[in-house]
Every structure is written in C-alpha cells, then in structure tokens.
Amino acid sequence: MKKIFILTGEPSGDKLASTVITKLQQIHSDIEYLSVGGSYLNKVGIKSIYDINEITYIGFTSVILNLFKIRKKINETVNKIIEFNPDILFSVDSPDFTLRVAEKVKSINPNIKTIHYVAPQVWVWREGRVKNFKNFLDHVLLLFNFEKKYFDKEHINNTFVGHPLLENKENIKTNLSNIIDENKKIISLFAGSRTSETNILLPILLDFIKLMNEKFNQYNFIFHATDQNKDLIKDEIKKINFNNVEVISDENIKSQILSNSIFAVVKSGTVSLEICNAKVPSIIIYKMNFINFFIVKFLVKTKFANIINIINQKEIIPELIQKECNSKEIFRSVVYFLKNPELMNKQILDVNKTLNEIKSKSSSSYEASKVVSRYLST
C-alpha cells in the first residue's frame, strides 16, 4: 500500500490540503495517510500526529520567542515522518515550518518524493530561497501562473494549479432563518484563522459593530470562524450582548452566508480570494505589533498586502493596515461603500477581470491531485 504524509502548519493550509486529499481519495482508495493537520483533514479521515495549534505561530517575534519549541517540533515531526516512511511527503503552505521539515526528511531519506503545495511568496521577499528549494523539493504546485518564472529559472519541476478558493462549490442548501434576520442585510467579518490574529482584530471589529449599530439598524454581522477560534469569538460577543451578531464555523453555511452578504471586512490573507470569487465587495484589514511590522516593511518588495492589489499594482480593494486598522477607519470605509453602490459594483468588475486570469481551467484541487497521483505511479 502506498503512503502519503500530509504536512501543514496552520488552519488555512489544513483546509487547502483537505481539498486535494478529497480528490485524491476519489482516484486512489488504497492509500495510507498520516499528517500534521487539523479539523479539515480530520473530517476526511486523516489522523494527525499532534494538535496543529502546537505549531501555529504568527509574526517574527512570536517565532523568536518560541524558537526552541519550534526546533523541537521540527525534529519530532521529521522523526515521525521517517518512521512512517511515506512514498510522498505532501507539504502545504507554512514554508518556515513545512519546508524545514521537508529539507531534513529529504536529507535523511532521498527516496521520499517531496511535493509542496502553495509556493513560498518569493515575489514578496527572499527570492534567493528558490535556489535552495531545488536541493530537496521534487515538485512545487503554484497557485498563481505568474510564479512559474521564478521556479523555471532554477529548473524546479512546477505546475500551475490555480487557487482552491476560486473553485465554485456545490453547497447543500440550509435553512438560515435561525441564524439571520431575513429583514436585515448581512455584513460578513473575517478576524483570521490564527488565535493570535483573532486576539488583535476581534476587539477592533466589535468596536466597529458598535459604531454601525449606533447609526444603523438594518444589518446582521456574521463572523466566519474556524473550529479553533469560534468559542473565543462567541465568548467575547456574549460580554457585549449584541443581538445582531452571529458566529459560524460550518463550511457549507459559511459559503451560503457569504453569497448572501452585501459586504465583507476581511483579514489580509488567502480568504480574501474566496470573498472575491463570491462577488462580494470588501475591504482588507491587518494589524501586528510594531517590531513585526517594521521587519516586514524592511524585507518585503511589494507595496500592497492583498494579492489582487499586488497583481494589479494598484489598490483595487482598500487596505487598512496598522494604524489605519481601527474601528473608526473601518466604519468610515464600510459606510462610504454602502452609500455608493456604484463603487462596490466597480470593485466587483475589476476583481473579476483579475480572477479570470488566475483561475485554473478545471479545478485546483483536481490538478494538484493529478500531480500527486503521478508521483505515486513512479
């Protein structure tokens, strides 16, 4: 029986990995799996060797503070993978963790094929990393076609598969009447998948809701949460006693809520593509501590945080970063859009043009699963 070890480092990677494995399970029914994963991989029957929260860190300072713990986890993970002896190590995103593990695994057992899904953003910073990747990666799966040139240059096998968040999903229709007031319009809120992100952004978003409720009474606010942070968000909402705020973590319901939303306030990250694909206008928010922000500003090559803006080299979707990421600025921006529907329509049109350029011709998860399947046959 063939074996695959799936290596993720945070909830978003866990989610991406699960979309590929679901497709792979349809092609091959006789594969043994083991992982470092979370709730998404668990739902498709993949056991994790430990809780993914043990390795989910954000920002340079938290990594430095947890350096000894991270090194210990890397070595523990490497030992488990070598013991499992998979045919393929399928690593997903979180390159500072997953690629360190992959490099060590390859040096111990070169026969293990290493496939990495979600190329590190070398177009943002540290382009020189690519030279080292060819020493331990057999194949890289790209979410964006403009990334190919960086890996072709170093003769690294790569395939543009598109982004799974841009796939159109068939959702089972659910009665949402017990979640939302049909007489109110929905504004979707995304406070991040990591607890450290949620801890920073949640108070800001709750203050934003207070400002909205003081001026309007026609909106429902729905937080799109992960299984890991839904209770944290619910507990904070209870303290304020809002009657027009809900928290959802079920993927099918999330998708339906989003498709019925008139606007979204979104933490910077890959989830913004899902909002774009649903044709929902939005603004991007993000905040980190001063030291992390200073380091990021010093290192990154791009002017923008959001991928749509990076591709277009201009602000298609407004970004409220650092000091601009506060309840009053979010309130001003959202109200401005809501009062000017022509601006929301223009954003949707501009975004859609970009999405058509970066979508896979078929399905990202299917294209990725085909590459993995091909390596199983070699």
Protein backbone atom coordinates (compact mmCIF):
# COMPACT_ATOMS: atom_id res chain seq x y z
CA MET A 1 0.00 0.00 0.00
CA LYS A 2 1.27 3.45 -0.94
CA LYS A 3 1.74 6.00 1.85
CA ILE A 4 1.41 9.80 1.94
CA PHE A 5 2.33 12.06 4.84
CA ILE A 6 0.47 15.41 4.72
CA LEU A 7 2.31 18.25 6.42
CA THR A 8 0.51 21.51 7.26
CA GLY A 9 1.28 24.30 9.72
CA GLU A 10 -1.93 26.27 10.21
CA PRO A 11 -5.72 26.05 9.62
CA SER A 12 -5.64 27.61 6.14
CA GLY A 13 -3.09 25.02 4.98
CA ASP A 14 -5.11 22.27 6.63
CA LYS A 15 -8.13 23.43 4.63
CA LEU A 16 -6.21 23.56 1.33
CA ALA A 17 -4.73 20.11 1.93
CA SER A 18 -8.16 18.62 2.58
CA THR A 19 -9.46 19.78 -0.82
CA VAL A 20 -6.65 17.92 -2.59
CA ILE A 21 -6.90 14.79 -0.46
CA THR A 22 -10.66 14.61 -1.07
CA LYS A 23 -9.96 14.49 -4.82
CA LEU A 24 -7.08 12.03 -4.37
CA GLN A 25 -9.30 9.69 -2.36
CA GLN A 26 -11.64 9.56 -5.36
CA ILE A 27 -8.74 8.48 -7.60
CA HIS A 28 -7.00 6.10 -5.17
CA SER A 29 -8.83 4.20 -2.45
CA ASP A 30 -5.79 2.25 -1.23
CA ILE A 31 -3.51 4.95 0.23
CA GLU A 32 -2.42 5.06 3.86
CA TYR A 33 -2.27 8.59 5.26
CA LEU A 34 -0.78 10.30 8.29
CA SER A 35 -0.49 14.02 8.89
CA VAL A 36 0.24 17.11 10.84
CA GLY A 37 -3.20 18.57 10.30
CA GLY A 38 -6.31 19.99 11.87
CA SER A 39 -10.09 19.72 11.74
CA TYR A 40 -10.37 19.80 7.92
CA LEU A 41 -8.09 16.80 7.36
CA ASN A 42 -9.69 15.07 10.32
CA LYS A 43 -13.09 15.40 8.61
CA VAL A 44 -11.78 13.43 5.62
CA GLY A 45 -10.43 10.72 7.91
CA ILE A 46 -6.76 11.71 8.21
CA LYS A 47 -5.16 11.28 11.64
CA SER A 48 -2.74 13.94 12.90
CA ILE A 49 0.33 13.07 14.99
CA TYR A 50 -0.34 16.12 17.21
CA ASP A 51 -2.59 19.17 17.50
CA ILE A 52 -1.83 21.70 14.78
CA ASN A 53 -2.23 24.52 17.32
CA GLU A 54 1.08 23.43 18.85
CA ILE A 55 2.92 24.86 15.83
CA THR A 56 0.70 27.74 14.72
CA TYR A 57 2.67 30.91 15.33
CA ILE A 58 2.40 34.32 13.75
CA GLY A 59 4.91 37.12 13.39
CA PHE A 60 8.67 37.24 13.75
CA THR A 61 8.73 37.97 17.48
CA SER A 62 6.46 35.05 18.41
CA VAL A 63 8.64 32.76 16.28
CA ILE A 64 11.77 34.01 18.06
CA LEU A 65 10.15 33.59 21.47
CA ASN A 66 9.14 30.04 20.58
CA LEU A 67 12.31 29.12 18.69
CA PHE A 68 13.34 26.24 20.96
CA LYS A 69 9.81 24.82 20.89
CA ILE A 70 9.65 25.10 17.08
CA ARG A 71 13.01 23.35 16.63
CA LYS A 72 11.86 20.57 18.92
CA LYS A 73 8.62 20.20 16.93
CA ILE A 74 10.52 20.15 13.62
CA ASN A 75 12.76 17.33 14.85
CA GLU A 76 9.81 15.42 16.34
CA THR A 77 7.91 15.73 13.04
CA VAL A 78 10.91 14.63 10.97
CA ASN A 79 11.33 11.53 13.16
CA LYS A 80 7.64 10.62 12.79
CA ILE A 81 7.77 11.01 9.01
CA ILE A 82 10.90 8.89 8.70
CA GLU A 83 9.28 6.26 10.92
CA PHE A 84 6.11 6.30 8.76
CA ASN A 85 8.31 6.03 5.65
CA PRO A 86 5.86 7.53 3.11
CA ASP A 87 6.22 7.38 -0.66
CA ILE A 88 5.30 11.09 -0.75
CA LEU A 89 5.68 13.95 1.69
CA PHE A 90 2.96 16.39 0.69
CA SER A 91 3.66 19.71 2.42
CA VAL A 92 1.20 22.59 2.28
CA ASP A 93 1.97 26.28 2.84
CA SER A 94 3.61 27.50 6.14
CA PRO A 95 7.08 27.31 4.50
CA ASP A 96 9.05 28.34 7.58
CA PHE A 97 7.87 25.14 9.22
CA THR A 98 6.94 22.70 6.46
CA LEU A 99 9.95 23.29 4.22
CA ARG A 100 12.38 23.00 7.12
CA VAL A 101 10.85 19.62 7.86
CA ALA A 102 10.91 18.62 4.17
CA GLU A 103 14.58 19.55 3.83
CA LYS A 104 15.56 17.41 6.83
CA VAL A 105 13.41 14.49 5.67
CA LYS A 106 14.96 14.58 2.17
CA SER A 107 18.49 14.62 3.60
CA ILE A 108 17.74 11.50 5.69
CA ASN A 109 15.73 9.61 3.05
CA PRO A 110 16.17 10.90 -0.54
CA ASN A 111 13.73 8.26 -1.80
CA ILE A 112 10.76 10.10 -0.29
CA LYS A 113 9.25 12.31 -3.00
CA THR A 114 8.58 15.84 -1.77
CA ILE A 115 5.72 17.88 -3.25
CA HIS A 116 4.99 21.34 -1.89
CA TYR A 117 1.61 22.98 -2.38
CA VAL A 118 1.44 26.81 -2.29
CA ALA A 119 4.79 28.13 -3.43
CA PRO A 120 6.51 30.42 -0.91
CA GLN A 121 5.87 34.02 -1.88
CA VAL A 122 9.35 34.66 -3.28
CA TRP A 123 7.85 37.52 -5.29
CA VAL A 124 7.22 39.30 -1.99
CA TRP A 125 10.55 38.68 -0.26
CA ARG A 126 13.62 36.40 -0.13
CA GLU A 127 13.65 35.41 -3.80
CA GLY A 128 17.06 33.81 -3.20
CA ARG A 129 15.34 30.95 -1.34
CA VAL A 130 14.41 29.34 -4.66
CA LYS A 131 18.00 28.19 -5.29
CA ASN A 132 17.88 26.07 -2.14
CA PHE A 133 14.46 24.56 -2.89
CA LYS A 134 15.82 22.50 -5.78
CA ASN A 135 18.00 20.60 -3.31
CA PHE A 136 15.04 19.00 -1.56
CA LEU A 137 11.78 19.63 -3.47
CA ASP A 138 10.73 17.32 -6.30
CA HIS A 139 7.72 19.40 -7.36
CA VAL A 140 6.07 22.72 -6.48
CA LEU A 141 2.37 23.39 -7.04
CA LEU A 142 1.66 27.03 -7.89
CA LEU A 143 -1.50 28.94 -7.06
CA PHE A 144 -0.70 31.77 -9.49
CA ASN A 145 0.62 31.46 -13.03
CA PHE A 146 2.96 34.47 -12.68
CA GLU A 147 5.01 32.42 -10.16
CA LYS A 148 6.27 29.98 -12.81
CA LYS A 149 9.16 32.17 -13.94
CA TYR A 150 10.81 32.02 -10.50
CA PHE A 151 10.88 28.21 -10.45
CA ASP A 152 11.54 27.69 -14.16
CA LYS A 153 14.65 29.84 -13.74
CA GLU A 154 16.09 27.31 -11.27
CA HIS A 155 14.78 24.28 -13.23
CA ILE A 156 12.47 23.15 -10.43
CA ASN A 157 9.53 21.00 -11.52
CA ASN A 158 6.38 23.05 -11.08
CA THR A 159 2.73 23.09 -12.11
CA PHE A 160 0.25 25.95 -12.07
CA VAL A 161 -2.89 24.50 -10.49
CA GLY A 162 -4.82 27.67 -9.60
CA HIS A 163 -6.28 28.52 -6.22
CA PRO A 164 -8.81 26.20 -4.50
CA LEU A 165 -10.62 29.19 -3.02
CA LEU A 166 -11.58 30.18 -6.56
CA GLU A 167 -13.42 26.93 -7.20
CA ASN A 168 -17.19 27.09 -7.44
CA LYS A 169 -18.66 24.84 -4.78
CA GLU A 170 -21.94 22.99 -4.83
CA ASN A 171 -23.47 23.66 -1.44
CA ILE A 172 -26.31 21.84 0.23
CA LYS A 173 -28.98 24.44 0.84
CA THR A 174 -29.55 25.04 4.53
CA ASN A 175 -32.33 26.93 6.28
CA LEU A 176 -30.59 30.02 7.69
CA SER A 177 -33.64 31.56 9.37
CA ASN A 178 -32.38 30.58 12.82
CA ILE A 179 -29.07 32.35 12.14
CA ILE A 180 -30.03 35.57 10.43
CA ASP A 181 -32.93 38.01 10.40
CA GLU A 182 -34.25 37.98 6.83
CA ASN A 183 -35.22 41.63 7.17
CA LYS A 184 -31.59 42.61 7.70
CA LYS A 185 -28.65 42.75 5.30
CA ILE A 186 -25.55 40.68 6.04
CA ILE A 187 -22.03 42.02 6.55
CA SER A 188 -19.50 39.18 6.82
CA LEU A 189 -16.49 39.55 9.11
CA PHE A 190 -13.22 37.58 8.98
CA ALA A 191 -10.94 38.01 12.00
CA GLY A 192 -8.30 35.47 10.94
CA SER A 193 -7.77 31.74 11.39
CA ARG A 194 -4.97 32.03 13.94
CA THR A 195 -5.79 32.77 17.56
CA SER A 196 -3.08 35.43 17.68
CA GLU A 197 -4.70 37.26 14.74
CA THR A 198 -8.17 36.98 16.24
CA ASN A 199 -6.96 38.37 19.57
CA ILE A 200 -5.76 41.53 17.80
CA LEU A 201 -8.57 42.04 15.28
CA LEU A 202 -11.64 40.91 17.23
CA PRO A 203 -11.78 43.90 19.65
CA ILE A 204 -11.43 46.27 16.69
CA LEU A 205 -14.25 44.56 14.78
CA LEU A 206 -16.53 44.52 17.83
CA ASP A 207 -15.99 48.28 18.25
CA PHE A 208 -16.78 48.67 14.55
CA ILE A 209 -20.08 46.83 15.07
CA LYS A 210 -20.91 49.16 17.97
CA LEU A 211 -20.39 52.17 15.70
CA MET A 212 -22.56 50.61 13.00
CA ASN A 213 -25.35 49.78 15.46
CA GLU A 214 -25.35 53.34 16.76
CA LYS A 215 -26.15 54.64 13.28
CA PHE A 216 -27.99 51.78 11.54
CA ASN A 217 -30.40 49.02 12.47
CA GLN A 218 -30.65 47.08 9.19
CA TYR A 219 -27.51 44.90 9.37
CA ASN A 220 -26.61 41.45 10.63
CA PHE A 221 -22.91 40.87 11.35
CA ILE A 222 -21.65 37.32 10.85
CA PHE A 223 -18.18 36.22 11.97
CA HIS A 224 -16.72 33.45 9.79
CA ALA A 225 -14.70 31.40 12.29
CA THR A 226 -12.58 28.28 12.34
CA ASP A 227 -13.34 25.42 14.70
CA GLN A 228 -10.30 26.56 16.68
CA ASN A 229 -11.40 30.16 17.31
CA LYS A 230 -15.20 30.07 17.24
CA ASP A 231 -15.54 29.77 21.04
CA LEU A 232 -13.14 32.67 21.61
CA ILE A 233 -15.27 34.90 19.37
CA LYS A 234 -18.54 33.73 20.92
CA ASP A 235 -17.26 34.42 24.45
CA GLU A 236 -16.28 37.99 23.56
CA ILE A 237 -19.64 38.66 21.87
CA LYS A 238 -21.52 37.44 24.97
CA LYS A 239 -19.74 40.07 27.06
CA ILE A 240 -21.21 42.85 24.89
CA ASN A 241 -24.66 41.30 24.44
CA PHE A 242 -25.15 42.09 20.74
CA ASN A 243 -28.41 40.81 19.27
CA ASN A 244 -27.42 41.11 15.61
CA VAL A 245 -24.10 39.23 15.64
CA GLU A 246 -23.55 35.52 14.98
CA VAL A 247 -20.55 33.20 14.68
CA ILE A 248 -20.44 30.33 12.16
CA SER A 249 -17.80 27.69 11.53
CA ASP A 250 -19.65 25.18 9.32
CA GLU A 251 -18.14 25.47 5.82
CA ASN A 252 -21.40 24.95 3.95
CA ILE A 253 -23.23 27.58 6.00
CA LYS A 254 -20.27 29.97 5.72
CA SER A 255 -20.44 29.75 1.94
CA GLN A 256 -24.18 30.46 1.89
CA ILE A 257 -23.83 33.37 4.31
CA LEU A 258 -21.06 34.84 2.18
CA SER A 259 -23.05 34.53 -1.03
CA ASN A 260 -25.89 36.42 0.67
CA SER A 261 -23.64 39.17 2.08
CA ILE A 262 -23.65 42.71 0.77
CA PHE A 263 -20.16 43.48 2.11
CA ALA A 264 -17.20 41.89 3.91
CA VAL A 265 -14.43 43.09 6.22
CA VAL A 266 -11.56 40.67 5.76
CA LYS A 267 -8.26 39.93 7.45
CA SER A 268 -5.48 40.07 4.85
CA GLY A 269 -4.77 36.60 3.54
CA THR A 270 -5.92 33.90 1.14
CA VAL A 271 -9.52 34.02 2.36
CA SER A 272 -9.90 37.33 0.51
CA LEU A 273 -9.92 35.36 -2.76
CA GLU A 274 -12.95 33.42 -1.57
CA ILE A 275 -14.77 36.69 -0.93
CA CYS A 276 -13.72 37.97 -4.36
CA ASN A 277 -14.93 34.79 -6.04
CA ALA A 278 -18.31 35.17 -4.32
CA LYS A 279 -18.55 38.64 -5.91
CA VAL A 280 -18.84 40.36 -2.54
CA PRO A 281 -17.23 43.82 -2.21
CA SER A 282 -14.80 44.15 0.67
CA ILE A 283 -12.03 45.96 2.48
CA ILE A 284 -8.83 44.37 3.81
CA ILE A 285 -7.63 44.84 7.39
CA TYR A 286 -4.47 43.78 9.22
CA LYS A 287 -2.51 44.70 12.31
CA MET A 288 0.62 43.36 14.01
CA ASN A 289 2.94 44.62 16.70
CA PHE A 290 5.37 47.42 15.84
CA ILE A 291 8.50 45.27 15.74
CA ASN A 292 6.95 42.73 13.36
CA PHE A 293 5.60 45.49 11.13
CA PHE A 294 9.00 47.22 11.00
CA ILE A 295 10.70 43.96 9.97
CA VAL A 296 8.05 43.25 7.31
CA LYS A 297 8.29 46.75 5.84
CA PHE A 298 12.06 46.37 5.69
CA LEU A 299 12.00 42.99 3.95
CA VAL A 300 9.02 42.89 1.57
CA LYS A 301 9.23 44.04 -2.04
CA THR A 302 5.54 44.66 -2.63
CA LYS A 303 3.59 47.84 -1.96
CA PHE A 304 0.33 46.05 -1.14
CA ALA A 305 -0.80 43.23 1.15
CA ASN A 306 -3.69 41.81 -0.89
CA ILE A 307 -2.94 39.54 -3.86
CA ILE A 308 -5.48 41.26 -6.14
CA ASN A 309 -3.79 44.59 -5.47
CA ILE A 310 -0.32 43.08 -5.89
CA ILE A 311 -1.19 41.62 -9.29
CA ASN A 312 -2.69 44.92 -10.49
CA GLN A 313 -0.05 47.08 -8.78
CA LYS A 314 -2.80 49.36 -7.54
CA GLU A 315 -5.42 49.36 -4.81
CA ILE A 316 -8.48 47.61 -6.22
CA ILE A 317 -9.57 46.58 -2.72
CA PRO A 318 -8.90 49.17 0.03
CA GLU A 319 -6.35 48.12 2.63
CA LEU A 320 -6.45 49.34 6.22
CA ILE A 321 -3.11 48.28 7.69
CA GLN A 322 -1.56 49.01 11.10
CA LYS A 323 -2.65 52.42 12.47
CA GLU A 324 -5.41 52.65 9.85
CA CYS A 325 -6.74 49.34 11.11
CA ASN A 326 -9.04 50.77 13.75
CA SER A 327 -12.80 50.74 14.30
CA LYS A 328 -13.37 54.32 13.12
CA GLU A 329 -11.50 53.89 9.84
CA ILE A 330 -13.25 50.59 9.15
CA PHE A 331 -16.59 52.25 9.91
CA ARG A 332 -15.85 55.18 7.56
CA SER A 333 -14.74 52.89 4.74
CA VAL A 334 -17.67 50.48 5.01
CA VAL A 335 -20.27 53.27 5.24
CA TYR A 336 -18.69 55.04 2.26
CA PHE A 337 -19.08 51.90 0.14
CA LEU A 338 -22.60 51.19 1.36
CA LYS A 339 -23.65 54.73 0.42
CA ASN A 340 -22.01 54.42 -3.02
CA PRO A 341 -23.13 51.14 -4.61
CA GLU A 342 -21.50 52.10 -7.90
CA LEU A 343 -18.11 51.79 -6.15
CA MET A 344 -19.00 48.30 -4.94
CA ASN A 345 -20.01 47.30 -8.48
CA LYS A 346 -16.76 48.68 -9.91
CA GLN A 347 -14.69 46.74 -7.38
CA ILE A 348 -16.50 43.51 -8.29
CA LEU A 349 -15.92 44.10 -12.03
CA ASP A 350 -12.22 44.92 -11.56
CA VAL A 351 -11.68 41.94 -9.28
CA ASN A 352 -13.46 39.57 -11.66
CA LYS A 353 -11.12 40.52 -14.50
CA THR A 354 -8.15 39.55 -12.34
CA LEU A 355 -9.73 36.30 -11.14
CA ASN A 356 -10.29 35.17 -14.73
CA GLU A 357 -6.52 35.44 -15.25
CA ILE A 358 -5.55 33.32 -12.22
CA LYS A 359 -8.23 30.63 -12.18
CA SER A 360 -7.41 27.06 -13.08
CA LYS A 361 -9.05 25.77 -16.26
CA SER A 362 -10.54 22.87 -14.33
CA SER A 363 -10.18 22.60 -10.56
CA SER A 364 -7.15 23.50 -8.48
CA SER A 365 -7.57 20.55 -6.14
CA TYR A 366 -8.08 18.17 -9.06
CA GLU A 367 -4.98 19.46 -10.89
CA ALA A 368 -2.93 19.16 -7.67
CA SER A 369 -4.22 15.64 -7.02
CA LYS A 370 -3.20 14.61 -10.57
CA VAL A 371 0.40 15.65 -9.87
CA VAL A 372 0.46 13.74 -6.57
CA SER A 373 -1.11 10.72 -8.27
CA ARG A 374 1.55 10.79 -10.98
CA TYR A 375 4.30 10.56 -8.36
CA LEU A 376 2.55 7.59 -6.76
CA SER A 377 2.99 5.73 -10.05
CA THR A 378 6.72 6.38 -10.36
